[in-house]
Structures are given as C-alpha cells and as structure tokens.
Amino acid sequence: MTLTASAATVTHTAALARFSHALSDPTRVGILLALREAPAFPSDLADALGVSRQVMSNQLACLRGCGLVEAIPEGRRTWYRLADGHIAPALNELLRVTLFVEPGCCAGEECRCA
C-alpha cells in the first residue's frame, strides 16, 4: 500500500485530531449523538445526559472550540446544533464500525485505550 502526501493535508489532520479529542470523552460523545438528532438547549442536554449544567457548559465550550458545534442565540437563551452537515452522517458511520479489542488490553485501571 502506498500513501500519498496529498491524501491528508495538515488541515485534514488537525480536523481529525479535534474530532478524535471530542470523541475521547463520553459526555461529549453523548452531546454529539444528541445533537445529531436535533438542536437542543444546554439545560435539556444536561438533563438528558445526567450531568450538571456546569459540566455541560464546559463540554459545549470544548466542542465549540473544536469547531463541531455552534451556539445560536435565541432571546435570553442559546441553543446548540452541529456545526457542519457532514458531522451527523460521519457519526452514523462511526456507529457502524465494529472494533476487536485485544483480550486483557482494556481491563481495569491499566487500560490506556480509554
């Protein structure tokens, strides 16, 4: 297999790194999956995911910083949606991936995968 330099630009690499950072936290994954279905207010997301409003605020700020969600002001409230129409289909495809985990690799506190 030969890799070409044009296959992934620095911009592509940075975008995928941001995306993978977002997917490294279960709360952020939950937010992205919820927003895949429909835009939402932070309080509704916090209730649905069982986290505090502060945790939700911090995680939404991270996702905004990564460029994955955008905030839409509506009066005194702000709701959130996925920042790009390609994110929802990408998440749908990732949900279809089957991973084989090495036995014993991800057991207990010694796991370096999570």
Protein backbone atom coordinates (compact mmCIF):
# COMPACT_ATOMS: atom_id res chain seq x y z
CA MET A 1 0.00 0.00 0.00
CA THR A 2 1.39 3.40 -0.96
CA LEU A 3 0.35 6.56 0.85
CA THR A 4 0.41 9.81 -0.99
CA ALA A 5 1.14 13.14 0.65
CA SER A 6 -2.00 14.63 -0.88
CA ALA A 7 -4.24 12.10 0.87
CA ALA A 8 -4.38 14.17 4.05
CA THR A 9 -3.41 17.80 4.36
CA VAL A 10 -2.35 19.47 7.58
CA THR A 11 -5.87 20.91 7.76
CA HIS A 12 -7.40 17.44 7.45
CA THR A 13 -5.06 16.07 10.09
CA ALA A 14 -5.88 18.91 12.50
CA ALA A 15 -9.62 18.48 11.93
CA LEU A 16 -9.44 14.75 12.61
CA ALA A 17 -7.36 15.37 15.74
CA ARG A 18 -10.02 17.77 17.02
CA PHE A 19 -12.76 15.29 16.16
CA SER A 20 -10.95 12.46 17.95
CA HIS A 21 -10.40 14.69 21.01
CA ALA A 22 -14.14 15.36 21.10
CA LEU A 23 -14.86 11.63 20.90
CA SER A 24 -12.46 10.85 23.77
CA ASP A 25 -14.99 11.92 26.42
CA PRO A 26 -18.30 10.09 26.99
CA THR A 27 -20.21 13.31 27.77
CA ARG A 28 -19.01 14.97 24.57
CA VAL A 29 -19.95 11.87 22.60
CA GLY A 30 -23.41 11.97 24.18
CA ILE A 31 -23.79 15.62 23.22
CA LEU A 32 -22.78 14.96 19.62
CA LEU A 33 -25.13 12.00 19.36
CA ALA A 34 -28.00 14.01 20.82
CA LEU A 35 -27.36 16.96 18.50
CA ARG A 36 -27.24 14.50 15.61
CA GLU A 37 -30.98 14.06 16.19
CA ALA A 38 -31.92 17.73 16.71
CA PRO A 39 -30.61 21.06 18.05
CA ALA A 40 -31.01 21.48 21.82
CA PHE A 41 -30.64 23.83 24.75
CA PRO A 42 -27.78 23.10 27.20
CA SER A 43 -30.19 22.52 30.11
CA ASP A 44 -32.07 19.88 28.10
CA LEU A 45 -28.80 18.20 27.12
CA ALA A 46 -27.60 18.23 30.74
CA ASP A 47 -30.85 16.63 31.93
CA ALA A 48 -30.81 14.02 29.15
CA LEU A 49 -27.19 13.06 29.83
CA GLY A 50 -27.43 13.25 33.62
CA VAL A 51 -24.69 15.83 34.11
CA SER A 52 -24.61 19.19 35.85
CA ARG A 53 -25.17 22.43 33.95
CA GLN A 54 -21.54 23.39 34.65
CA VAL A 55 -20.22 20.16 33.16
CA MET A 56 -22.47 20.70 30.14
CA SER A 57 -21.23 24.26 29.73
CA ASN A 58 -17.60 23.13 29.85
CA GLN A 59 -18.15 20.32 27.35
CA LEU A 60 -20.08 22.55 24.94
CA ALA A 61 -17.26 25.10 25.12
CA CYS A 62 -14.81 22.34 24.21
CA LEU A 63 -16.97 21.22 21.27
CA ARG A 64 -17.33 24.83 20.10
CA GLY A 65 -13.58 25.28 20.32
CA CYS A 66 -13.09 22.13 18.23
CA GLY A 67 -15.49 23.55 15.63
CA LEU A 68 -18.00 20.72 15.98
CA VAL A 69 -20.98 22.60 17.40
CA GLU A 70 -22.25 26.13 17.11
CA ALA A 71 -24.21 28.27 19.53
CA ILE A 72 -27.34 30.01 18.25
CA PRO A 73 -28.64 32.82 20.49
CA GLU A 74 -32.42 32.92 20.88
CA GLY A 75 -33.53 35.73 23.14
CA ARG A 76 -32.01 35.17 26.55
CA ARG A 77 -31.22 31.53 25.81
CA THR A 78 -28.79 29.81 23.47
CA TRP A 79 -29.30 26.53 21.70
CA TYR A 80 -26.72 24.33 20.04
CA ARG A 81 -26.50 22.41 16.79
CA LEU A 82 -23.85 20.51 14.89
CA ALA A 83 -21.64 22.98 13.05
CA ASP A 84 -21.49 21.08 9.75
CA GLY A 85 -23.99 18.90 7.93
CA HIS A 86 -21.34 16.21 7.42
CA ILE A 87 -20.92 15.52 11.15
CA ALA A 88 -24.20 13.60 11.65
CA PRO A 89 -23.55 11.17 8.77
CA ALA A 90 -19.95 10.74 9.98
CA LEU A 91 -21.20 9.83 13.45
CA ASN A 92 -23.73 7.42 11.92
CA GLU A 93 -20.92 5.70 10.03
CA LEU A 94 -18.73 5.52 13.15
CA LEU A 95 -21.59 3.83 14.99
CA ARG A 96 -21.49 1.08 12.37
CA VAL A 97 -17.80 0.29 12.99
CA THR A 98 -17.05 -2.96 14.79
CA LEU A 99 -13.84 -2.99 16.82
CA PHE A 100 -11.94 -6.03 18.00
CA VAL A 101 -10.40 -5.32 21.39
CA GLU A 102 -7.41 -7.40 22.41
CA PRO A 103 -8.32 -9.57 25.41
CA GLY A 104 -6.84 -8.08 28.55
CA CYS A 105 -5.84 -4.86 26.77
CA CYS A 106 -8.59 -2.72 28.19
CA ALA A 107 -9.10 -4.26 31.60
CA GLY A 108 -9.13 -2.19 34.75
CA GLU A 109 -7.05 0.84 35.56
CA GLU A 110 -4.19 -0.33 33.36
CA CYS A 111 -6.18 0.42 30.21
CA ARG A 112 -4.54 3.03 28.03
CA CYS A 113 -7.26 2.95 25.36
CA ALA A 114 -9.93 4.92 27.23
